[in-house]
Amino acid sequence: MAQRFSKPFYNSKAWKDVRELAMIRDKGLCQAEGCNSPAEEVQHIIHLTPNNINDANISLNLDNLTCLCRDCHFKQHKGERSSGRKKDTLRTVRFDTEGNIIEEES
């Protein structure tokens, strides 16, 4: 679910247009490894923050977007296991408030 700061962005024509381009590029399919379900969500790889939402290189860049089915999108955000209908192949990546990847120790 969109955070309060990002709701106007997700309602913008610019977002709707780039979201559609991402879906076309990914042929409407989830891009998670091992999953070929229809995509329902377009995910920012570097997540949006109040500090980067106005940077089009992050918010509107096709290279920063990937299409995911609802299950895989939920897994990425919540770190939960899938319902069992797909392979559990997604790696959980966490970001700090600036959108930088937090390295996880094994």
PDB file of N, CA and C in Angstrom:
ATOM      1  N   MET A   1       0.839  -1.178   0.000  1.00  0.00           N
ATOM      2  CA  MET A   1       0.000   0.000   0.000  1.00  0.00           C
ATOM      3  C   MET A   1       0.884   1.241   0.000  1.00  0.00           C
ATOM      4  N   ALA A   2       0.490   2.223  -0.757  1.00  0.00           N
ATOM      5  CA  ALA A   2       1.268   3.456  -0.861  1.00  0.00           C
ATOM      6  C   ALA A   2       1.266   4.207   0.462  1.00  0.00           C
ATOM      7  N   GLN A   3       2.413   4.785   0.772  1.00  0.00           N
ATOM      8  CA  GLN A   3       2.508   5.605   1.965  1.00  0.00           C
ATOM      9  C   GLN A   3       1.902   6.974   1.681  1.00  0.00           C
ATOM     10  N   ARG A   4       1.551   7.664   2.730  1.00  0.00           N
ATOM     11  CA  ARG A   4       0.862   8.953   2.583  1.00  0.00           C
ATOM     12  C   ARG A   4       1.617   9.905   1.661  1.00  0.00           C
ATOM     13  N   PHE A   5       2.944  10.008   1.824  1.00  0.00           N
ATOM     14  CA  PHE A   5       3.716  10.958   1.024  1.00  0.00           C
ATOM     15  C   PHE A   5       3.685  10.631  -0.463  1.00  0.00           C
ATOM     16  N   SER A   6       3.443   9.357  -0.822  1.00  0.00           N
ATOM     17  CA  SER A   6       3.531   8.956  -2.226  1.00  0.00           C
ATOM     18  C   SER A   6       2.183   8.866  -2.941  1.00  0.00           C
ATOM     19  N   LYS A   7       1.091   9.014  -2.226  1.00  0.00           N
ATOM     20  CA  LYS A   7      -0.225   8.865  -2.867  1.00  0.00           C
ATOM     21  C   LYS A   7      -0.436   9.820  -4.039  1.00  0.00           C
ATOM     22  N   PRO A   8      -0.109  11.111  -3.904  1.00  0.00           N
ATOM     23  CA  PRO A   8      -0.284  11.984  -5.083  1.00  0.00           C
ATOM     24  C   PRO A   8       0.546  11.520  -6.283  1.00  0.00           C
ATOM     25  N   PHE A   9       1.763  11.044  -6.035  1.00  0.00           N
ATOM     26  CA  PHE A   9       2.610  10.552  -7.118  1.00  0.00           C
ATOM     27  C   PHE A   9       1.943   9.377  -7.832  1.00  0.00           C
ATOM     28  N   TYR A  10       1.441   8.399  -7.082  1.00  0.00           N
ATOM     29  CA  TYR A  10       0.845   7.213  -7.690  1.00  0.00           C
ATOM     30  C   TYR A  10      -0.473   7.510  -8.408  1.00  0.00           C
ATOM     31  N   ASN A  11      -1.051   8.674  -8.158  1.00  0.00           N
ATOM     32  CA  ASN A  11      -2.249   9.091  -8.885  1.00  0.00           C
ATOM     33  C   ASN A  11      -1.925   9.956 -10.099  1.00  0.00           C
ATOM     34  N   SER A  12      -0.630  10.244 -10.319  1.00  0.00           N
ATOM     35  CA  SER A  12      -0.242  11.151 -11.401  1.00  0.00           C
ATOM     36  C   SER A  12      -0.258  10.445 -12.762  1.00  0.00           C
ATOM     37  N   LYS A  13      -0.451  11.239 -13.804  1.00  0.00           N
ATOM     38  CA  LYS A  13      -0.412  10.717 -15.169  1.00  0.00           C
ATOM     39  C   LYS A  13       0.978  10.179 -15.499  1.00  0.00           C
ATOM     40  N   ALA A  14       2.016  10.871 -15.024  1.00  0.00           N
ATOM     41  CA  ALA A  14       3.387  10.424 -15.306  1.00  0.00           C
ATOM     42  C   ALA A  14       3.608   9.009 -14.775  1.00  0.00           C
ATOM     43  N   TRP A  15       3.153   8.724 -13.530  1.00  0.00           N
ATOM     44  CA  TRP A  15       3.310   7.380 -12.970  1.00  0.00           C
ATOM     45  C   TRP A  15       2.481   6.369 -13.757  1.00  0.00           C
ATOM     46  N   LYS A  16       1.245   6.698 -14.052  1.00  0.00           N
ATOM     47  CA  LYS A  16       0.379   5.756 -14.772  1.00  0.00           C
ATOM     48  C   LYS A  16       0.967   5.410 -16.137  1.00  0.00           C
ATOM     49  N   ASP A  17       1.566   6.410 -16.796  1.00  0.00           N
ATOM     50  CA  ASP A  17       2.176   6.168 -18.111  1.00  0.00           C
ATOM     51  C   ASP A  17       3.397   5.254 -18.004  1.00  0.00           C
ATOM     52  N   VAL A  18       4.310   5.533 -17.060  1.00  0.00           N
ATOM     53  CA  VAL A  18       5.519   4.710 -16.938  1.00  0.00           C
ATOM     54  C   VAL A  18       5.168   3.322 -16.408  1.00  0.00           C
ATOM     55  N   ARG A  19       4.151   3.228 -15.564  1.00  0.00           N
ATOM     56  CA  ARG A  19       3.688   1.924 -15.059  1.00  0.00           C
ATOM     57  C   ARG A  19       3.223   1.061 -16.235  1.00  0.00           C
ATOM     58  N   GLU A  20       2.461   1.664 -17.141  1.00  0.00           N
ATOM     59  CA  GLU A  20       1.986   0.928 -18.312  1.00  0.00           C
ATOM     60  C   GLU A  20       3.152   0.491 -19.201  1.00  0.00           C
ATOM     61  N   LEU A  21       4.147   1.355 -19.363  1.00  0.00           N
ATOM     62  CA  LEU A  21       5.324   0.980 -20.152  1.00  0.00           C
ATOM     63  C   LEU A  21       6.074  -0.196 -19.516  1.00  0.00           C
ATOM     64  N   ALA A  22       6.163  -0.212 -18.185  1.00  0.00           N
ATOM     65  CA  ALA A  22       6.822  -1.333 -17.499  1.00  0.00           C
ATOM     66  C   ALA A  22       6.048  -2.629 -17.735  1.00  0.00           C
ATOM     67  N   MET A  23       4.727  -2.556 -17.671  1.00  0.00           N
ATOM     68  CA  MET A  23       3.905  -3.752 -17.910  1.00  0.00           C
ATOM     69  C   MET A  23       4.076  -4.251 -19.341  1.00  0.00           C
ATOM     70  N   ILE A  24       4.141  -3.331 -20.286  1.00  0.00           N
ATOM     71  CA  ILE A  24       4.346  -3.719 -21.691  1.00  0.00           C
ATOM     72  C   ILE A  24       5.732  -4.351 -21.847  1.00  0.00           C
ATOM     73  N   ARG A  25       6.754  -3.710 -21.289  1.00  0.00           N
ATOM     74  CA  ARG A  25       8.123  -4.238 -21.377  1.00  0.00           C
ATOM     75  C   ARG A  25       8.209  -5.651 -20.808  1.00  0.00           C
ATOM     76  N   ASP A  26       7.542  -5.888 -19.661  1.00  0.00           N
ATOM     77  CA  ASP A  26       7.614  -7.188 -18.991  1.00  0.00           C
ATOM     78  C   ASP A  26       6.512  -8.143 -19.448  1.00  0.00           C
ATOM     79  N   LYS A  27       5.805  -7.745 -20.502  1.00  0.00           N
ATOM     80  CA  LYS A  27       4.768  -8.582 -21.114  1.00  0.00           C
ATOM     81  C   LYS A  27       3.683  -8.992 -20.116  1.00  0.00           C
ATOM     82  N   GLY A  28       3.463  -8.136 -19.101  1.00  0.00           N
ATOM     83  CA  GLY A  28       2.405  -8.384 -18.127  1.00  0.00           C
ATOM     84  C   GLY A  28       2.669  -9.563 -17.208  1.00  0.00           C
ATOM     85  N   LEU A  29       3.947 -10.004 -17.126  1.00  0.00           N
ATOM     86  CA  LEU A  29       4.285 -11.169 -16.310  1.00  0.00           C
ATOM     87  C   LEU A  29       5.169 -10.784 -15.133  1.00  0.00           C
ATOM     88  N   CYS A  30       5.004 -11.501 -14.041  1.00  0.00           N
ATOM     89  CA  CYS A  30       5.832 -11.325 -12.853  1.00  0.00           C
ATOM     90  C   CYS A  30       7.281 -11.627 -13.221  1.00  0.00           C
ATOM     91  N   GLN A  31       8.188 -10.760 -12.792  1.00  0.00           N
ATOM     92  CA  GLN A  31       9.603 -10.900 -13.115  1.00  0.00           C
ATOM     93  C   GLN A  31      10.406 -11.599 -12.024  1.00  0.00           C
ATOM     94  N   ALA A  32       9.747 -12.054 -10.961  1.00  0.00           N
ATOM     95  CA  ALA A  32      10.453 -12.794  -9.915  1.00  0.00           C
ATOM     96  C   ALA A  32      10.923 -14.128 -10.482  1.00  0.00           C
ATOM     97  N   GLU A  33      12.121 -14.520 -10.115  1.00  0.00           N
ATOM     98  CA  GLU A  33      12.699 -15.761 -10.616  1.00  0.00           C
ATOM     99  C   GLU A  33      11.787 -16.947 -10.308  1.00  0.00           C
ATOM    100  N   GLY A  34      11.486 -17.728 -11.334  1.00  0.00           N
ATOM    101  CA  GLY A  34      10.678 -18.926 -11.168  1.00  0.00           C
ATOM    102  C   GLY A  34       9.177 -18.689 -11.179  1.00  0.00           C
ATOM    103  N   CYS A  35       8.757 -17.460 -11.330  1.00  0.00           N
ATOM    104  CA  CYS A  35       7.327 -17.146 -11.319  1.00  0.00           C
ATOM    105  C   CYS A  35       6.920 -16.630 -12.695  1.00  0.00           C
ATOM    106  N   ASN A  36       5.864 -17.181 -13.231  1.00  0.00           N
ATOM    107  CA  ASN A  36       5.342 -16.718 -14.519  1.00  0.00           C
ATOM    108  C   ASN A  36       3.898 -16.265 -14.415  1.00  0.00           C
ATOM    109  N   SER A  37       3.493 -15.884 -13.216  1.00  0.00           N
ATOM    110  CA  SER A  37       2.119 -15.427 -13.001  1.00  0.00           C
ATOM    111  C   SER A  37       1.907 -14.054 -13.636  1.00  0.00           C
ATOM    112  N   PRO A  38       0.650 -13.715 -13.909  1.00  0.00           N
ATOM    113  CA  PRO A  38       0.369 -12.366 -14.404  1.00  0.00           C
ATOM    114  C   PRO A  38       0.788 -11.323 -13.356  1.00  0.00           C
ATOM    115  N   ALA A  39       1.429 -10.265 -13.819  1.00  0.00           N
ATOM    116  CA  ALA A  39       1.844  -9.180 -12.929  1.00  0.00           C
ATOM    117  C   ALA A  39       0.643  -8.311 -12.603  1.00  0.00           C
ATOM    118  N   GLU A  40       0.582  -7.888 -11.370  1.00  0.00           N
ATOM    119  CA  GLU A  40      -0.468  -6.967 -10.927  1.00  0.00           C
ATOM    120  C   GLU A  40       0.116  -5.679 -10.350  1.00  0.00           C
ATOM    121  N   GLU A  41       1.397  -5.723 -10.004  1.00  0.00           N
ATOM    122  CA  GLU A  41       2.050  -4.599  -9.337  1.00  0.00           C
ATOM    123  C   GLU A  41       3.299  -4.193 -10.104  1.00  0.00           C
ATOM    124  N   VAL A  42       3.640  -2.915 -10.031  1.00  0.00           N
ATOM    125  CA  VAL A  42       4.912  -2.430 -10.552  1.00  0.00           C
ATOM    126  C   VAL A  42       5.682  -1.895  -9.351  1.00  0.00           C
ATOM    127  N   GLN A  43       6.823  -2.520  -9.086  1.00  0.00           N
ATOM    128  CA  GLN A  43       7.625  -2.265  -7.892  1.00  0.00           C
ATOM    129  C   GLN A  43       8.831  -1.400  -8.227  1.00  0.00           C
ATOM    130  N   HIS A  44       9.101  -0.400  -7.395  1.00  0.00           N
ATOM    131  CA  HIS A  44      10.353   0.348  -7.495  1.00  0.00           C
ATOM    132  C   HIS A  44      11.456  -0.509  -6.875  1.00  0.00           C
ATOM    133  N   ILE A  45      12.531  -0.717  -7.589  1.00  0.00           N
ATOM    134  CA  ILE A  45      13.654  -1.493  -7.073  1.00  0.00           C
ATOM    135  C   ILE A  45      14.330  -0.710  -5.954  1.00  0.00           C
ATOM    136  N   ILE A  46      14.636   0.556  -6.208  1.00  0.00           N
ATOM    137  CA  ILE A  46      15.024   1.469  -5.134  1.00  0.00           C
ATOM    138  C   ILE A  46      13.720   2.110  -4.682  1.00  0.00           C
ATOM    139  N   HIS A  47      13.279   1.764  -3.485  1.00  0.00           N
ATOM    140  CA  HIS A  47      11.969   2.216  -2.995  1.00  0.00           C
ATOM    141  C   HIS A  47      11.905   3.727  -2.881  1.00  0.00           C
ATOM    142  N   LEU A  48      10.704   4.243  -3.072  1.00  0.00           N
ATOM    143  CA  LEU A  48      10.494   5.677  -2.949  1.00  0.00           C
ATOM    144  C   LEU A  48      10.534   6.113  -1.492  1.00  0.00           C
ATOM    145  N   THR A  49      11.138   7.266  -1.280  1.00  0.00           N
ATOM    146  CA  THR A  49      11.180   7.895   0.037  1.00  0.00           C
ATOM    147  C   THR A  49      10.764   9.352  -0.147  1.00  0.00           C
ATOM    148  N   PRO A  50      10.466  10.041   0.941  1.00  0.00           N
ATOM    149  CA  PRO A  50      10.173  11.474   0.798  1.00  0.00           C
ATOM    150  C   PRO A  50      11.337  12.248   0.169  1.00  0.00           C
ATOM    151  N   ASN A  51      12.560  11.740   0.330  1.00  0.00           N
ATOM    152  CA  ASN A  51      13.731  12.440  -0.205  1.00  0.00           C
ATOM    153  C   ASN A  51      13.993  12.165  -1.675  1.00  0.00           C
ATOM    154  N   ASN A  52      13.500  11.042  -2.223  1.00  0.00           N
ATOM    155  CA  ASN A  52      13.831  10.733  -3.622  1.00  0.00           C
ATOM    156  C   ASN A  52      12.617  10.704  -4.550  1.00  0.00           C
ATOM    157  N   ILE A  53      11.433  10.902  -4.022  1.00  0.00           N
ATOM    158  CA  ILE A  53      10.221  10.768  -4.850  1.00  0.00           C
ATOM    159  C   ILE A  53      10.183  11.769  -5.998  1.00  0.00           C
ATOM    160  N   ASN A  54      10.820  12.923  -5.837  1.00  0.00           N
ATOM    161  CA  ASN A  54      10.824  13.931  -6.905  1.00  0.00           C
ATOM    162  C   ASN A  54      11.997  13.771  -7.864  1.00  0.00           C
ATOM    163  N   ASP A  55      12.815  12.744  -7.672  1.00  0.00           N
ATOM    164  CA  ASP A  55      13.925  12.453  -8.567  1.00  0.00           C
ATOM    165  C   ASP A  55      13.424  11.476  -9.632  1.00  0.00           C
ATOM    166  N   ALA A  56      13.194  11.969 -10.827  1.00  0.00           N
ATOM    167  CA  ALA A  56      12.644  11.138 -11.908  1.00  0.00           C
ATOM    168  C   ALA A  56      13.565   9.975 -12.259  1.00  0.00           C
ATOM    169  N   ASN A  57      14.874  10.096 -11.963  1.00  0.00           N
ATOM    170  CA  ASN A  57      15.789   8.979 -12.217  1.00  0.00           C
ATOM    171  C   ASN A  57      15.485   7.786 -11.319  1.00  0.00           C
ATOM    172  N   ILE A  58      14.755   8.014 -10.254  1.00  0.00           N
ATOM    173  CA  ILE A  58      14.340   6.937  -9.358  1.00  0.00           C
ATOM    174  C   ILE A  58      12.857   6.647  -9.531  1.00  0.00           C
ATOM    175  N   SER A  59      12.024   7.664  -9.456  1.00  0.00           N
ATOM    176  CA  SER A  59      10.571   7.448  -9.435  1.00  0.00           C
ATOM    177  C   SER A  59       9.976   7.080 -10.790  1.00  0.00           C
ATOM    178  N   LEU A  60      10.555   7.580 -11.879  1.00  0.00           N
ATOM    179  CA  LEU A  60       9.967   7.361 -13.204  1.00  0.00           C
ATOM    180  C   LEU A  60      10.909   6.655 -14.174  1.00  0.00           C
ATOM    181  N   ASN A  61      11.965   6.067 -13.681  1.00  0.00           N
ATOM    182  CA  ASN A  61      12.956   5.399 -14.521  1.00  0.00           C
ATOM    183  C   ASN A  61      12.555   3.933 -14.718  1.00  0.00           C
ATOM    184  N   LEU A  62      12.337   3.529 -15.958  1.00  0.00           N
ATOM    185  CA  LEU A  62      11.967   2.136 -16.243  1.00  0.00           C
ATOM    186  C   LEU A  62      12.989   1.144 -15.711  1.00  0.00           C
ATOM    187  N   ASP A  63      14.256   1.534 -15.675  1.00  0.00           N
ATOM    188  CA  ASP A  63      15.290   0.633 -15.160  1.00  0.00           C
ATOM    189  C   ASP A  63      15.165   0.416 -13.650  1.00  0.00           C
ATOM    190  N   ASN A  64      14.378   1.241 -12.980  1.00  0.00           N
ATOM    191  CA  ASN A  64      14.161   1.098 -11.536  1.00  0.00           C
ATOM    192  C   ASN A  64      12.815   0.437 -11.238  1.00  0.00           C
ATOM    193  N   LEU A  65      12.189  -0.119 -12.249  1.00  0.00           N
ATOM    194  CA  LEU A  65      10.863  -0.730 -12.066  1.00  0.00           C
ATOM    195  C   LEU A  65      10.886  -2.187 -12.479  1.00  0.00           C
ATOM    196  N   THR A  66      10.117  -2.990 -11.765  1.00  0.00           N
ATOM    197  CA  THR A  66       9.929  -4.389 -12.136  1.00  0.00           C
ATOM    198  C   THR A  66       8.481  -4.762 -11.857  1.00  0.00           C
ATOM    199  N   CYS A  67       7.952  -5.632 -12.670  1.00  0.00           N
ATOM    200  CA  CYS A  67       6.566  -6.074 -12.511  1.00  0.00           C
ATOM    201  C   CYS A  67       6.527  -7.346 -11.673  1.00  0.00           C
ATOM    202  N   LEU A  68       5.582  -7.394 -10.762  1.00  0.00           N
ATOM    203  CA  LEU A  68       5.441  -8.545  -9.871  1.00  0.00           C
ATOM    204  C   LEU A  68       3.981  -8.927  -9.729  1.00  0.00           C
ATOM    205  N   CYS A  69       3.742 -10.213  -9.478  1.00  0.00           N
ATOM    206  CA  CYS A  69       2.390 -10.636  -9.114  1.00  0.00           C
ATOM    207  C   CYS A  69       2.156 -10.201  -7.665  1.00  0.00           C
ATOM    208  N   ARG A  70       0.938 -10.247  -7.217  1.00  0.00           N
ATOM    209  CA  ARG A  70       0.617  -9.807  -5.861  1.00  0.00           C
ATOM    210  C   ARG A  70       1.369 -10.619  -4.808  1.00  0.00           C
ATOM    211  N   ASP A  71       1.484 -11.921  -5.023  1.00  0.00           N
ATOM    212  CA  ASP A  71       2.169 -12.803  -4.075  1.00  0.00           C
ATOM    213  C   ASP A  71       3.637 -12.415  -3.912  1.00  0.00           C
ATOM    214  N   CYS A  72       4.337 -12.256  -5.023  1.00  0.00           N
ATOM    215  CA  CYS A  72       5.759 -11.916  -4.972  1.00  0.00           C
ATOM    216  C   CYS A  72       5.970 -10.499  -4.440  1.00  0.00           C
ATOM    217  N   HIS A  73       5.079  -9.590  -4.774  1.00  0.00           N
ATOM    218  CA  HIS A  73       5.164  -8.222  -4.258  1.00  0.00           C
ATOM    219  C   HIS A  73       5.016  -8.236  -2.739  1.00  0.00           C
ATOM    220  N   PHE A  74       4.065  -8.993  -2.248  1.00  0.00           N
ATOM    221  CA  PHE A  74       3.862  -9.109  -0.806  1.00  0.00           C
ATOM    222  C   PHE A  74       5.098  -9.700  -0.141  1.00  0.00           C
ATOM    223  N   LYS A  75       5.653 -10.731  -0.756  1.00  0.00           N
ATOM    224  CA  LYS A  75       6.850 -11.371  -0.195  1.00  0.00           C
ATOM    225  C   LYS A  75       7.994 -10.379  -0.089  1.00  0.00           C
ATOM    226  N   GLN A  76       8.168  -9.552  -1.090  1.00  0.00           N
ATOM    227  CA  GLN A  76       9.268  -8.588  -1.059  1.00  0.00           C
ATOM    228  C   GLN A  76       9.059  -7.554   0.041  1.00  0.00           C
ATOM    229  N   HIS A  77       7.832  -7.110   0.213  1.00  0.00           N
ATOM    230  CA  HIS A  77       7.568  -6.072   1.214  1.00  0.00           C
ATOM    231  C   HIS A  77       7.495  -6.614   2.628  1.00  0.00           C
ATOM    232  N   LYS A  78       6.950  -7.779   2.785  1.00  0.00           N
ATOM    233  CA  LYS A  78       6.720  -8.308   4.128  1.00  0.00           C
ATOM    234  C   LYS A  78       7.731  -9.359   4.558  1.00  0.00           C
ATOM    235  N   GLY A  79       8.525  -9.864   3.606  1.00  0.00           N
ATOM    236  CA  GLY A  79       9.494 -10.890   3.944  1.00  0.00           C
ATOM    237  C   GLY A  79       8.837 -12.200   4.352  1.00  0.00           C
ATOM    238  N   GLU A  80       7.607 -12.398   3.917  1.00  0.00           N
ATOM    239  CA  GLU A  80       6.860 -13.602   4.277  1.00  0.00           C
ATOM    240  C   GLU A  80       7.031 -14.642   3.178  1.00  0.00           C
ATOM    241  N   ARG A  81       6.831 -15.889   3.517  1.00  0.00           N
ATOM    242  CA  ARG A  81       6.871 -16.966   2.534  1.00  0.00           C
ATOM    243  C   ARG A  81       5.596 -16.944   1.704  1.00  0.00           C
ATOM    244  N   SER A  82       5.685 -17.433   0.486  1.00  0.00           N
ATOM    245  CA  SER A  82       4.524 -17.459  -0.399  1.00  0.00           C
ATOM    246  C   SER A  82       3.512 -18.474   0.090  1.00  0.00           C
ATOM    247  N   SER A  83       2.363 -18.440  -0.527  1.00  0.00           N
ATOM    248  CA  SER A  83       1.281 -19.351  -0.167  1.00  0.00           C
ATOM    249  C   SER A  83       1.587 -20.791  -0.556  1.00  0.00           C
ATOM    250  N   GLY A  84       2.716 -21.007  -1.218  1.00  0.00           N
ATOM    251  CA  GLY A  84       3.110 -22.360  -1.604  1.00  0.00           C
ATOM    252  C   GLY A  84       2.837 -22.667  -3.053  1.00  0.00           C
ATOM    253  N   ARG A  85       2.178 -21.769  -3.766  1.00  0.00           N
ATOM    254  CA  ARG A  85       1.882 -22.061  -5.157  1.00  0.00           C
ATOM    255  C   ARG A  85       3.024 -21.704  -6.092  1.00  0.00           C
ATOM    256  N   LYS A  86       4.060 -21.022  -5.569  1.00  0.00           N
ATOM    257  CA  LYS A  86       5.213 -20.670  -6.379  1.00  0.00           C
ATOM    258  C   LYS A  86       6.480 -21.039  -5.642  1.00  0.00           C
ATOM    259  N   LYS A  87       7.570 -21.145  -6.397  1.00  0.00           N
ATOM    260  CA  LYS A  87       8.864 -21.378  -5.777  1.00  0.00           C
ATOM    261  C   LYS A  87       9.239 -20.153  -4.955  1.00  0.00           C
ATOM    262  N   ASP A  88       9.824 -20.372  -3.806  1.00  0.00           N
ATOM    263  CA  ASP A  88      10.269 -19.283  -2.947  1.00  0.00           C
ATOM    264  C   ASP A  88      11.684 -18.881  -3.336  1.00  0.00           C
ATOM    265  N   THR A  89      11.813 -18.075  -4.406  1.00  0.00           N
ATOM    266  CA  THR A  89      13.123 -17.776  -4.938  1.00  0.00           C
ATOM    267  C   THR A  89      13.516 -16.314  -4.790  1.00  0.00           C
ATOM    268  N   LEU A  90      12.662 -15.481  -4.233  1.00  0.00           N
ATOM    269  CA  LEU A  90      13.001 -14.075  -4.090  1.00  0.00           C
ATOM    270  C   LEU A  90      13.942 -13.860  -2.923  1.00  0.00           C
ATOM    271  N   ARG A  91      14.910 -13.006  -3.130  1.00  0.00           N
ATOM    272  CA  ARG A  91      15.811 -12.616  -2.047  1.00  0.00           C
ATOM    273  C   ARG A  91      15.227 -11.362  -1.417  1.00  0.00           C
ATOM    274  N   THR A  92      15.148 -11.318  -0.105  1.00  0.00           N
ATOM    275  CA  THR A  92      14.638 -10.148   0.580  1.00  0.00           C
ATOM    276  C   THR A  92      15.742  -9.101   0.623  1.00  0.00           C
ATOM    277  N   VAL A  93      15.393  -7.905   0.172  1.00  0.00           N
ATOM    278  CA  VAL A  93      16.321  -6.791   0.202  1.00  0.00           C
ATOM    279  C   VAL A  93      15.690  -5.703   1.032  1.00  0.00           C
ATOM    280  N   ARG A  94      16.451  -5.138   1.955  1.00  0.00           N
ATOM    281  CA  ARG A  94      15.936  -4.071   2.801  1.00  0.00           C
ATOM    282  C   ARG A  94      16.644  -2.770   2.435  1.00  0.00           C
ATOM    283  N   PHE A  95      15.912  -1.646   2.613  1.00  0.00           N
ATOM    284  CA  PHE A  95      16.437  -0.329   2.284  1.00  0.00           C
ATOM    285  C   PHE A  95      16.349   0.584   3.494  1.00  0.00           C
ATOM    286  N   ASP A  96      17.288   1.527   3.606  1.00  0.00           N
ATOM    287  CA  ASP A  96      17.188   2.525   4.665  1.00  0.00           C
ATOM    288  C   ASP A  96      16.271   3.646   4.196  1.00  0.00           C
ATOM    289  N   THR A  97      16.102   4.667   5.018  1.00  0.00           N
ATOM    290  CA  THR A  97      15.170   5.750   4.696  1.00  0.00           C
ATOM    291  C   THR A  97      15.609   6.584   3.501  1.00  0.00           C
ATOM    292  N   GLU A  98      16.882   6.452   3.098  1.00  0.00           N
ATOM    293  CA  GLU A  98      17.382   7.178   1.935  1.00  0.00           C
ATOM    294  C   GLU A  98      17.285   6.355   0.653  1.00  0.00           C
ATOM    295  N   GLY A  99      16.798   5.106   0.754  1.00  0.00           N
ATOM    296  CA  GLY A  99      16.675   4.241  -0.410  1.00  0.00           C
ATOM    297  C   GLY A  99      17.916   3.421  -0.702  1.00  0.00           C
ATOM    298  N   ASN A 100      18.881   3.422   0.218  1.00  0.00           N
ATOM    299  CA  ASN A 100      20.101   2.636   0.047  1.00  0.00           C
ATOM    300  C   ASN A 100      19.887   1.210   0.540  1.00  0.00           C
ATOM    301  N   ILE A 101      20.488   0.242  -0.138  1.00  0.00           N
ATOM    302  CA  ILE A 101      20.371  -1.153   0.257  1.00  0.00           C
ATOM    303  C   ILE A 101      21.099  -1.372   1.583  1.00  0.00           C
ATOM    304  N   ILE A 102      20.445  -2.063   2.503  1.00  0.00           N
ATOM    305  CA  ILE A 102      21.057  -2.451   3.770  1.00  0.00           C
ATOM    306  C   ILE A 102      21.598  -3.854   3.562  1.00  0.00           C
ATOM    307  N   GLU A 103      22.899  -4.010   3.692  1.00  0.00           N
ATOM    308  CA  GLU A 103      23.535  -5.309   3.510  1.00  0.00           C
ATOM    309  C   GLU A 103      23.182  -6.207   4.690  1.00  0.00           C
ATOM    310  N   GLU A 104      22.706  -7.406   4.391  1.00  0.00           N
ATOM    311  CA  GLU A 104      22.353  -8.391   5.409  1.00  0.00           C
ATOM    312  C   GLU A 104      23.532  -9.340   5.589  1.00  0.00           C
ATOM    313  N   GLU A 105      23.921  -9.596   6.831  1.00  0.00           N
ATOM    314  CA  GLU A 105      24.971 -10.569   7.088  1.00  0.00           C
ATOM    315  C   GLU A 105      24.361 -11.949   7.140  1.00  0.00           C
ATOM    316  N   SER A 106      25.068 -12.968   6.603  1.00  0.00           N
ATOM    317  CA  SER A 106      24.545 -14.327   6.614  1.00  0.00           C
ATOM    318  C   SER A 106      24.807 -14.986   7.928  1.00  0.00           C
TER     319      SER A 106
END
